[in-house]
């Protein structure tokens, strides 16, 4: 625009004519400002191993009895057939998104759950819930729906947890007074020590005869062959059984699961190897 035209336009109070480039720039600026209203912050991805816990009622209210029945069906399907294995789980184990593990046990007839977090033991009464089963007092909240749960120590933020089968088996054994639980593969077998000096060794149905259910109500432990190990020796069905528990880290050769102890079993010249977990009361 030449200086004469600019001066005339200002004197007459008329809008100044725009060049083509100025008009294009103005239109682009208007479009950009209009688009600002539709900007959205990116959503955070959900944790793949911890499905989100829906707070809205998504199913009819559950009860402790219904929840226990669901756990029983799950235990019967997953651990099926091992003589001496629990017909239903008395407790469950959970792994939470913050790395903690916890155990829960529904107290029969009390409409309450016992929480076990490290050395903490806490009984929470059941309260009304539109979804799942909710237990709560002034300090703690545990809200369970199937294999998912939410844990909160008030007034802190909630954490989300998944039920883990291996942890549940240990929690169930703890509830039954078991002090050691071992297992092995090919052939599959289960070892339980406790309550007190009771020892149970049981294999899968159809397995070797020497692994069919063997139970010793009172089999005292003796020092094992290496420092910190424990030996159990007993007879059953004309066979002599030697069971040694060693404080050596162990990895299950089928699942890859890690255990804090190793188990060696010898009977009639056969040797079995497996892994296990000491269980504190």
C-alpha atoms as a PDB file:
ATOM      1  CA  UNK A   1       0.000   0.000   0.000  1.00  0.00           C
ATOM      2  CA  UNK A   2       1.410   3.382  -1.033  1.00  0.00           C
ATOM      3  CA  UNK A   3       1.739   6.192   1.585  1.00  0.00           C
ATOM      4  CA  UNK A   4      -0.893   8.369  -0.125  1.00  0.00           C
ATOM      5  CA  UNK A   5      -3.585   5.693   0.021  1.00  0.00           C
ATOM      6  CA  UNK A   6      -2.775   4.958   3.692  1.00  0.00           C
ATOM      7  CA  UNK A   7      -3.043   8.648   4.616  1.00  0.00           C
ATOM      8  CA  UNK A   8      -6.375   9.073   2.758  1.00  0.00           C
ATOM      9  CA  UNK A   9      -7.885   5.974   4.387  1.00  0.00           C
ATOM     10  CA  UNK A  10      -6.928   7.108   7.869  1.00  0.00           C
ATOM     11  CA  UNK A  11      -8.330  10.607   7.304  1.00  0.00           C
ATOM     12  CA  UNK A  12     -11.658   9.312   6.041  1.00  0.00           C
ATOM     13  CA  UNK A  13     -12.021   6.771   8.883  1.00  0.00           C
ATOM     14  CA  UNK A  14     -12.381   3.939   6.339  1.00  0.00           C
ATOM     15  CA  UNK A  15     -10.903   0.475   7.019  1.00  0.00           C
ATOM     16  CA  UNK A  16      -7.575  -0.004   5.392  1.00  0.00           C
ATOM     17  CA  UNK A  17      -7.536  -2.348   2.428  1.00  0.00           C
ATOM     18  CA  UNK A  18      -5.718  -5.639   3.130  1.00  0.00           C
ATOM     19  CA  UNK A  19      -3.226  -7.318   0.927  1.00  0.00           C
ATOM     20  CA  UNK A  20      -3.828 -10.914  -0.155  1.00  0.00           C
ATOM     21  CA  UNK A  21      -1.059 -12.242   2.118  1.00  0.00           C
ATOM     22  CA  UNK A  22      -2.410 -10.367   5.165  1.00  0.00           C
ATOM     23  CA  UNK A  23      -5.903 -11.785   4.567  1.00  0.00           C
ATOM     24  CA  UNK A  24      -4.557 -15.347   4.325  1.00  0.00           C
ATOM     25  CA  UNK A  25      -2.627 -14.891   7.552  1.00  0.00           C
ATOM     26  CA  UNK A  26      -5.710 -13.600   9.359  1.00  0.00           C
ATOM     27  CA  UNK A  27      -7.837 -16.542   8.192  1.00  0.00           C
ATOM     28  CA  UNK A  28      -5.187 -19.033   9.342  1.00  0.00           C
ATOM     29  CA  UNK A  29      -5.049 -17.359  12.778  1.00  0.00           C
ATOM     30  CA  UNK A  30      -8.843 -17.524  13.174  1.00  0.00           C
ATOM     31  CA  UNK A  31      -8.878 -21.213  12.229  1.00  0.00           C
ATOM     32  CA  UNK A  32      -6.124 -21.986  14.705  1.00  0.00           C
ATOM     33  CA  UNK A  33      -7.927 -20.194  17.525  1.00  0.00           C
ATOM     34  CA  UNK A  34     -11.154 -22.010  16.739  1.00  0.00           C
ATOM     35  CA  UNK A  35      -9.365 -25.334  16.885  1.00  0.00           C
ATOM     36  CA  UNK A  36      -8.011 -24.672  20.380  1.00  0.00           C
ATOM     37  CA  UNK A  37     -11.402 -25.452  21.861  1.00  0.00           C
ATOM     38  CA  UNK A  38     -11.214 -29.037  20.598  1.00  0.00           C
ATOM     39  CA  UNK A  39      -7.758 -29.890  21.969  1.00  0.00           C
ATOM     40  CA  UNK A  40      -7.717 -32.899  24.343  1.00  0.00           C
ATOM     41  CA  UNK A  41      -4.982 -34.223  26.634  1.00  0.00           C
ATOM     42  CA  UNK A  42      -3.831 -37.707  25.579  1.00  0.00           C
ATOM     43  CA  UNK A  43      -5.426 -40.464  27.649  1.00  0.00           C
ATOM     44  CA  UNK A  44      -3.156 -42.656  29.762  1.00  0.00           C
ATOM     45  CA  UNK A  45      -2.991 -46.311  28.695  1.00  0.00           C
ATOM     46  CA  UNK A  46      -4.505 -48.814  31.112  1.00  0.00           C
ATOM     47  CA  UNK A  47      -2.137 -51.236  32.806  1.00  0.00           C
ATOM     48  CA  UNK A  48      -2.228 -54.487  30.813  1.00  0.00           C
ATOM     49  CA  UNK A  49      -1.968 -56.758  33.855  1.00  0.00           C
ATOM     50  CA  UNK A  50      -4.329 -54.731  36.016  1.00  0.00           C
ATOM     51  CA  UNK A  51      -7.673 -54.216  34.270  1.00  0.00           C
ATOM     52  CA  UNK A  52      -9.482 -51.099  35.401  1.00  0.00           C
ATOM     53  CA  UNK A  53     -11.889 -51.522  38.299  1.00  0.00           C
ATOM     54  CA  UNK A  54     -15.316 -50.205  37.376  1.00  0.00           C
ATOM     55  CA  UNK A  55     -16.892 -48.136  40.123  1.00  0.00           C
ATOM     56  CA  UNK A  56     -20.302 -48.055  38.460  1.00  0.00           C
ATOM     57  CA  UNK A  57     -22.738 -50.888  39.185  1.00  0.00           C
ATOM     58  CA  UNK A  58     -22.148 -53.387  36.403  1.00  0.00           C
ATOM     59  CA  UNK A  59     -23.812 -56.429  37.898  1.00  0.00           C
ATOM     60  CA  UNK A  60     -26.249 -57.329  40.692  1.00  0.00           C
ATOM     61  CA  UNK A  61     -24.889 -56.943  44.212  1.00  0.00           C
ATOM     62  CA  UNK A  62     -22.814 -59.944  45.271  1.00  0.00           C
ATOM     63  CA  UNK A  63     -22.695 -61.605  48.662  1.00  0.00           C
ATOM     64  CA  UNK A  64     -19.939 -63.328  50.553  1.00  0.00           C
ATOM     65  CA  UNK A  65     -21.577 -66.702  49.964  1.00  0.00           C
ATOM     66  CA  UNK A  66     -21.768 -66.201  46.199  1.00  0.00           C
ATOM     67  CA  UNK A  67     -18.185 -65.022  46.087  1.00  0.00           C
ATOM     68  CA  UNK A  68     -17.024 -68.046  48.078  1.00  0.00           C
ATOM     69  CA  UNK A  69     -18.870 -70.351  45.687  1.00  0.00           C
ATOM     70  CA  UNK A  70     -17.106 -68.743  42.722  1.00  0.00           C
ATOM     71  CA  UNK A  71     -13.748 -69.257  44.400  1.00  0.00           C
ATOM     72  CA  UNK A  72     -14.608 -72.873  45.083  1.00  0.00           C
ATOM     73  CA  UNK A  73     -15.410 -73.542  41.426  1.00  0.00           C
ATOM     74  CA  UNK A  74     -12.173 -71.867  40.359  1.00  0.00           C
ATOM     75  CA  UNK A  75     -10.092 -73.871  42.832  1.00  0.00           C
ATOM     76  CA  UNK A  76     -11.690 -77.164  41.827  1.00  0.00           C
ATOM     77  CA  UNK A  77     -11.077 -76.475  38.131  1.00  0.00           C
ATOM     78  CA  UNK A  78      -7.468 -75.295  38.481  1.00  0.00           C
ATOM     79  CA  UNK A  79      -6.124 -77.731  41.000  1.00  0.00           C
ATOM     80  CA  UNK A  80      -8.101 -80.599  40.114  1.00  0.00           C
ATOM     81  CA  UNK A  81      -7.443 -83.926  41.097  1.00  0.00           C
ATOM     82  CA  UNK A  82      -4.413 -83.804  43.339  1.00  0.00           C
ATOM     83  CA  UNK A  83      -5.292 -85.876  46.409  1.00  0.00           C
ATOM     84  CA  UNK A  84      -4.882 -83.757  49.486  1.00  0.00           C
ATOM     85  CA  UNK A  85      -5.241 -80.487  47.593  1.00  0.00           C
ATOM     86  CA  UNK A  86      -7.967 -78.249  49.039  1.00  0.00           C
ATOM     87  CA  UNK A  87     -11.436 -78.743  47.567  1.00  0.00           C
ATOM     88  CA  UNK A  88     -11.967 -75.007  47.853  1.00  0.00           C
ATOM     89  CA  UNK A  89      -9.725 -72.117  48.676  1.00  0.00           C
ATOM     90  CA  UNK A  90     -10.119 -70.610  52.135  1.00  0.00           C
ATOM     91  CA  UNK A  91      -8.056 -67.532  51.207  1.00  0.00           C
ATOM     92  CA  UNK A  92      -6.740 -65.653  48.186  1.00  0.00           C
ATOM     93  CA  UNK A  93      -3.509 -63.894  47.235  1.00  0.00           C
ATOM     94  CA  UNK A  94      -3.270 -60.633  45.290  1.00  0.00           C
ATOM     95  CA  UNK A  95      -0.538 -58.672  43.501  1.00  0.00           C
ATOM     96  CA  UNK A  96      -1.086 -54.921  43.315  1.00  0.00           C
ATOM     97  CA  UNK A  97       0.105 -52.285  40.878  1.00  0.00           C
ATOM     98  CA  UNK A  98       2.454 -50.767  43.486  1.00  0.00           C
ATOM     99  CA  UNK A  99       4.299 -54.101  43.833  1.00  0.00           C
ATOM    100  CA  UNK A 100       2.735 -55.144  47.120  1.00  0.00           C
ATOM    101  CA  UNK A 101       1.192 -58.546  47.677  1.00  0.00           C
ATOM    102  CA  UNK A 102      -1.626 -59.204  50.106  1.00  0.00           C
ATOM    103  CA  UNK A 103      -3.712 -62.069  51.360  1.00  0.00           C
ATOM    104  CA  UNK A 104      -7.413 -62.068  52.089  1.00  0.00           C
ATOM    105  CA  UNK A 105      -9.578 -64.565  53.902  1.00  0.00           C
ATOM    106  CA  UNK A 106     -13.334 -64.334  54.149  1.00  0.00           C
ATOM    107  CA  UNK A 107     -14.249 -65.114  57.751  1.00  0.00           C
ATOM    108  CA  UNK A 108     -17.057 -67.726  57.792  1.00  0.00           C
ATOM    109  CA  UNK A 109     -20.331 -66.460  59.190  1.00  0.00           C
ATOM    110  CA  UNK A 110     -18.870 -63.079  60.102  1.00  0.00           C
ATOM    111  CA  UNK A 111     -19.513 -61.203  56.826  1.00  0.00           C
ATOM    112  CA  UNK A 112     -15.995 -59.847  57.109  1.00  0.00           C
ATOM    113  CA  UNK A 113     -12.604 -60.253  55.449  1.00  0.00           C
ATOM    114  CA  UNK A 114      -9.214 -60.565  57.113  1.00  0.00           C
ATOM    115  CA  UNK A 115      -6.477 -58.600  55.333  1.00  0.00           C
ATOM    116  CA  UNK A 116      -2.856 -59.734  55.600  1.00  0.00           C
ATOM    117  CA  UNK A 117      -0.287 -57.192  54.384  1.00  0.00           C
ATOM    118  CA  UNK A 118       3.220 -58.051  55.626  1.00  0.00           C
ATOM    119  CA  UNK A 119       2.854 -58.135  59.421  1.00  0.00           C
ATOM    120  CA  UNK A 120      -0.506 -56.330  59.392  1.00  0.00           C
ATOM    121  CA  UNK A 121      -3.661 -58.290  60.184  1.00  0.00           C
ATOM    122  CA  UNK A 122      -6.914 -56.388  59.850  1.00  0.00           C
ATOM    123  CA  UNK A 123     -10.541 -57.563  59.891  1.00  0.00           C
ATOM    124  CA  UNK A 124     -12.901 -55.434  57.781  1.00  0.00           C
ATOM    125  CA  UNK A 125     -16.702 -55.778  57.948  1.00  0.00           C
ATOM    126  CA  UNK A 126     -18.697 -56.200  54.760  1.00  0.00           C
ATOM    127  CA  UNK A 127     -20.678 -53.102  53.717  1.00  0.00           C
ATOM    128  CA  UNK A 128     -23.325 -52.492  51.069  1.00  0.00           C
ATOM    129  CA  UNK A 129     -22.053 -52.333  47.483  1.00  0.00           C
ATOM    130  CA  UNK A 130     -23.741 -51.940  44.123  1.00  0.00           C
ATOM    131  CA  UNK A 131     -21.070 -54.097  42.518  1.00  0.00           C
ATOM    132  CA  UNK A 132     -18.771 -56.790  43.825  1.00  0.00           C
ATOM    133  CA  UNK A 133     -18.106 -57.317  47.522  1.00  0.00           C
ATOM    134  CA  UNK A 134     -16.934 -54.373  49.599  1.00  0.00           C
ATOM    135  CA  UNK A 135     -15.279 -54.475  53.036  1.00  0.00           C
ATOM    136  CA  UNK A 136     -14.514 -51.261  54.862  1.00  0.00           C
ATOM    137  CA  UNK A 137     -13.760 -49.602  58.175  1.00  0.00           C
ATOM    138  CA  UNK A 138     -12.560 -46.109  59.126  1.00  0.00           C
ATOM    139  CA  UNK A 139      -9.006 -46.759  57.910  1.00  0.00           C
ATOM    140  CA  UNK A 140      -9.076 -49.420  55.188  1.00  0.00           C
ATOM    141  CA  UNK A 141     -11.132 -50.380  52.136  1.00  0.00           C
ATOM    142  CA  UNK A 142     -10.967 -53.658  50.204  1.00  0.00           C
ATOM    143  CA  UNK A 143     -13.351 -53.914  47.249  1.00  0.00           C
ATOM    144  CA  UNK A 144     -13.344 -57.205  45.395  1.00  0.00           C
ATOM    145  CA  UNK A 145     -15.029 -58.152  42.140  1.00  0.00           C
ATOM    146  CA  UNK A 146     -13.995 -61.530  40.790  1.00  0.00           C
ATOM    147  CA  UNK A 147     -10.247 -61.630  40.106  1.00  0.00           C
ATOM    148  CA  UNK A 148      -9.888 -57.845  40.490  1.00  0.00           C
ATOM    149  CA  UNK A 149      -9.802 -55.772  43.647  1.00  0.00           C
ATOM    150  CA  UNK A 150      -9.173 -52.281  44.934  1.00  0.00           C
ATOM    151  CA  UNK A 151      -7.245 -51.594  48.155  1.00  0.00           C
ATOM    152  CA  UNK A 152      -7.104 -48.257  49.941  1.00  0.00           C
ATOM    153  CA  UNK A 153      -5.520 -47.100  53.149  1.00  0.00           C
ATOM    154  CA  UNK A 154      -7.386 -43.908  53.870  1.00  0.00           C
ATOM    155  CA  UNK A 155      -6.940 -41.084  53.087  1.00  0.00           C
ATOM    156  CA  UNK A 156      -4.357 -42.230  50.541  1.00  0.00           C
ATOM    157  CA  UNK A 157      -5.077 -43.092  46.918  1.00  0.00           C
ATOM    158  CA  UNK A 158      -6.474 -46.522  45.965  1.00  0.00           C
ATOM    159  CA  UNK A 159      -4.336 -49.199  44.321  1.00  0.00           C
ATOM    160  CA  UNK A 160      -5.639 -51.922  42.024  1.00  0.00           C
ATOM    161  CA  UNK A 161      -4.821 -55.602  42.424  1.00  0.00           C
ATOM    162  CA  UNK A 162      -5.185 -58.897  40.562  1.00  0.00           C
ATOM    163  CA  UNK A 163      -5.734 -62.301  42.127  1.00  0.00           C
ATOM    164  CA  UNK A 164      -2.754 -64.601  41.401  1.00  0.00           C
ATOM    165  CA  UNK A 165      -3.317 -68.353  41.529  1.00  0.00           C
ATOM    166  CA  UNK A 166       0.125 -69.200  42.960  1.00  0.00           C
ATOM    167  CA  UNK A 167      -0.296 -66.627  45.757  1.00  0.00           C
ATOM    168  CA  UNK A 168      -3.818 -67.895  46.479  1.00  0.00           C
ATOM    169  CA  UNK A 169      -2.555 -71.462  46.972  1.00  0.00           C
ATOM    170  CA  UNK A 170      -0.040 -70.211  49.536  1.00  0.00           C
ATOM    171  CA  UNK A 171      -2.663 -68.100  51.328  1.00  0.00           C
ATOM    172  CA  UNK A 172      -5.043 -71.068  51.421  1.00  0.00           C
ATOM    173  CA  UNK A 173      -2.291 -73.270  52.875  1.00  0.00           C
ATOM    174  CA  UNK A 174      -1.564 -70.607  55.508  1.00  0.00           C
ATOM    175  CA  UNK A 175      -5.243 -70.564  56.488  1.00  0.00           C
ATOM    176  CA  UNK A 176      -5.142 -74.356  56.959  1.00  0.00           C
ATOM    177  CA  UNK A 177      -2.078 -74.232  59.210  1.00  0.00           C
ATOM    178  CA  UNK A 178       0.420 -75.462  56.575  1.00  0.00           C
ATOM    179  CA  UNK A 179       4.008 -74.360  57.274  1.00  0.00           C
ATOM    180  CA  UNK A 180       5.601 -75.558  54.008  1.00  0.00           C
ATOM    181  CA  UNK A 181       4.181 -76.242  50.563  1.00  0.00           C
ATOM    182  CA  UNK A 182       6.153 -77.938  47.783  1.00  0.00           C
ATOM    183  CA  UNK A 183       5.415 -79.139  44.269  1.00  0.00           C
ATOM    184  CA  UNK A 184       7.101 -80.929  41.375  1.00  0.00           C
ATOM    185  CA  UNK A 185       6.521 -82.071  37.807  1.00  0.00           C
ATOM    186  CA  UNK A 186       6.798 -85.174  35.643  1.00  0.00           C
ATOM    187  CA  UNK A 187       5.238 -86.819  37.528  1.00  0.00           C
ATOM    188  CA  UNK A 188       3.275 -84.075  39.268  1.00  0.00           C
ATOM    189  CA  UNK A 189       3.227 -84.090  43.048  1.00  0.00           C
ATOM    190  CA  UNK A 190       2.270 -81.938  46.027  1.00  0.00           C
ATOM    191  CA  UNK A 191       3.964 -81.783  49.429  1.00  0.00           C
ATOM    192  CA  UNK A 192       2.477 -80.189  52.551  1.00  0.00           C
ATOM    193  CA  UNK A 193       3.995 -79.941  56.010  1.00  0.00           C
ATOM    194  CA  UNK A 194       1.694 -78.972  58.892  1.00  0.00           C
ATOM    195  CA  UNK A 195      -0.210 -78.362  60.971  1.00  0.00           C
ATOM    196  CA  UNK A 196       2.435 -79.382  63.524  1.00  0.00           C
ATOM    197  CA  UNK A 197       4.355 -82.482  62.303  1.00  0.00           C
ATOM    198  CA  UNK A 198       1.830 -83.690  59.736  1.00  0.00           C
ATOM    199  CA  UNK A 199       3.395 -84.467  56.325  1.00  0.00           C
ATOM    200  CA  UNK A 200       1.402 -85.158  53.167  1.00  0.00           C
ATOM    201  CA  UNK A 201       2.811 -86.319  49.818  1.00  0.00           C
ATOM    202  CA  UNK A 202       0.363 -86.817  46.958  1.00  0.00           C
ATOM    203  CA  UNK A 203       0.600 -87.243  43.191  1.00  0.00           C
ATOM    204  CA  UNK A 204      -1.786 -86.729  40.318  1.00  0.00           C
ATOM    205  CA  UNK A 205      -4.410 -89.438  39.637  1.00  0.00           C
ATOM    206  CA  UNK A 206      -3.043 -92.079  37.303  1.00  0.00           C
ATOM    207  CA  UNK A 207       0.522 -91.345  38.373  1.00  0.00           C
ATOM    208  CA  UNK A 208       3.044 -93.783  39.859  1.00  0.00           C
ATOM    209  CA  UNK A 209       1.836 -95.955  42.687  1.00  0.00           C
ATOM    210  CA  UNK A 210       4.545 -94.698  45.045  1.00  0.00           C
ATOM    211  CA  UNK A 211       3.100 -91.171  44.693  1.00  0.00           C
ATOM    212  CA  UNK A 212      -0.462 -92.030  45.548  1.00  0.00           C
ATOM    213  CA  UNK A 213      -1.522 -90.264  48.730  1.00  0.00           C
ATOM    214  CA  UNK A 214       0.921 -90.817  51.574  1.00  0.00           C
ATOM    215  CA  UNK A 215       0.226 -89.078  54.856  1.00  0.00           C
ATOM    216  CA  UNK A 216       2.138 -89.159  58.108  1.00  0.00           C
ATOM    217  CA  UNK A 217       0.202 -87.529  60.989  1.00  0.00           C
ATOM    218  CA  UNK A 218       3.353 -87.062  63.100  1.00  0.00           C
ATOM    219  CA  UNK A 219       6.675 -87.059  61.246  1.00  0.00           C
ATOM    220  CA  UNK A 220       9.271 -85.071  63.152  1.00  0.00           C
ATOM    221  CA  UNK A 221      11.840 -83.040  61.223  1.00  0.00           C
ATOM    222  CA  UNK A 222      15.573 -83.651  61.547  1.00  0.00           C
ATOM    223  CA  UNK A 223      18.592 -81.652  60.326  1.00  0.00           C
ATOM    224  CA  UNK A 224      19.266 -82.264  56.642  1.00  0.00           C
ATOM    225  CA  UNK A 225      22.510 -83.053  54.813  1.00  0.00           C
ATOM    226  CA  UNK A 226      23.493 -79.404  54.294  1.00  0.00           C
ATOM    227  CA  UNK A 227      23.390 -76.401  56.606  1.00  0.00           C
ATOM    228  CA  UNK A 228      19.861 -75.027  57.000  1.00  0.00           C
ATOM    229  CA  UNK A 229      18.150 -77.999  55.344  1.00  0.00           C
ATOM    230  CA  UNK A 230      15.465 -80.204  56.919  1.00  0.00           C
ATOM    231  CA  UNK A 231      14.910 -83.945  56.478  1.00  0.00           C
ATOM    232  CA  UNK A 232      11.744 -86.012  56.933  1.00  0.00           C
ATOM    233  CA  UNK A 233      11.950 -89.816  56.823  1.00  0.00           C
ATOM    234  CA  UNK A 234       8.937 -92.124  56.939  1.00  0.00           C
ATOM    235  CA  UNK A 235       7.594 -95.462  55.744  1.00  0.00           C
ATOM    236  CA  UNK A 236       4.341 -96.188  53.941  1.00  0.00           C
ATOM    237  CA  UNK A 237       3.119 -99.154  51.911  1.00  0.00           C
ATOM    238  CA  UNK A 238       6.378-101.016  52.506  1.00  0.00           C
ATOM    239  CA  UNK A 239       8.404 -98.120  51.044  1.00  0.00           C
ATOM    240  CA  UNK A 240      10.814 -95.743  52.719  1.00  0.00           C
ATOM    241  CA  UNK A 241      10.443 -92.054  51.880  1.00  0.00           C
ATOM    242  CA  UNK A 242      13.084 -89.396  52.435  1.00  0.00           C
ATOM    243  CA  UNK A 243      12.100 -85.761  51.921  1.00  0.00           C
ATOM    244  CA  UNK A 244      14.697 -82.997  52.132  1.00  0.00           C
ATOM    245  CA  UNK A 245      13.866 -79.275  52.077  1.00  0.00           C
ATOM    246  CA  UNK A 246      16.815 -77.034  51.197  1.00  0.00           C
ATOM    247  CA  UNK A 247      17.034 -73.231  51.576  1.00  0.00           C
ATOM    248  CA  UNK A 248      18.123 -72.838  47.934  1.00  0.00           C
ATOM    249  CA  UNK A 249      16.370 -70.639  45.346  1.00  0.00           C
ATOM    250  CA  UNK A 250      14.446 -72.795  42.910  1.00  0.00           C
ATOM    251  CA  UNK A 251      12.745 -72.273  39.543  1.00  0.00           C
ATOM    252  CA  UNK A 252       9.815 -74.433  38.466  1.00  0.00           C
ATOM    253  CA  UNK A 253      10.907 -76.228  35.294  1.00  0.00           C
ATOM    254  CA  UNK A 254       7.478 -75.914  33.677  1.00  0.00           C
ATOM    255  CA  UNK A 255       6.036 -72.565  34.752  1.00  0.00           C
ATOM    256  CA  UNK A 256       9.270 -70.655  35.361  1.00  0.00           C
ATOM    257  CA  UNK A 257       7.910 -69.540  38.728  1.00  0.00           C
ATOM    258  CA  UNK A 258      10.554 -68.754  41.348  1.00  0.00           C
ATOM    259  CA  UNK A 259      10.524 -70.233  44.852  1.00  0.00           C
ATOM    260  CA  UNK A 260      12.698 -69.626  47.917  1.00  0.00           C
ATOM    261  CA  UNK A 261      13.304 -73.330  48.640  1.00  0.00           C
ATOM    262  CA  UNK A 262      14.114 -76.572  46.836  1.00  0.00           C
ATOM    263  CA  UNK A 263      12.700 -80.031  47.589  1.00  0.00           C
ATOM    264  CA  UNK A 264      14.321 -83.441  47.041  1.00  0.00           C
ATOM    265  CA  UNK A 265      12.354 -86.687  47.455  1.00  0.00           C
ATOM    266  CA  UNK A 266      13.808 -90.188  47.331  1.00  0.00           C
ATOM    267  CA  UNK A 267      11.783 -93.414  47.418  1.00  0.00           C
ATOM    268  CA  UNK A 268      12.864 -96.889  46.307  1.00  0.00           C
ATOM    269  CA  UNK A 269      15.853 -95.443  44.483  1.00  0.00           C
ATOM    270  CA  UNK A 270      13.718 -92.928  42.557  1.00  0.00           C
ATOM    271  CA  UNK A 271      14.577 -89.260  42.937  1.00  0.00           C
ATOM    272  CA  UNK A 272      12.189 -86.350  42.466  1.00  0.00           C
ATOM    273  CA  UNK A 273      13.033 -82.662  42.401  1.00  0.00           C
ATOM    274  CA  UNK A 274      10.777 -79.705  42.996  1.00  0.00           C
ATOM    275  CA  UNK A 275      10.377 -76.290  44.590  1.00  0.00           C
ATOM    276  CA  UNK A 276       8.593 -74.972  47.634  1.00  0.00           C
ATOM    277  CA  UNK A 277       7.664 -72.099  49.911  1.00  0.00           C
ATOM    278  CA  UNK A 278       7.974 -71.820  53.723  1.00  0.00           C
ATOM    279  CA  UNK A 279       4.759 -70.316  55.080  1.00  0.00           C
ATOM    280  CA  UNK A 280       4.710 -68.183  58.204  1.00  0.00           C
ATOM    281  CA  UNK A 281       1.524 -68.234  60.342  1.00  0.00           C
END
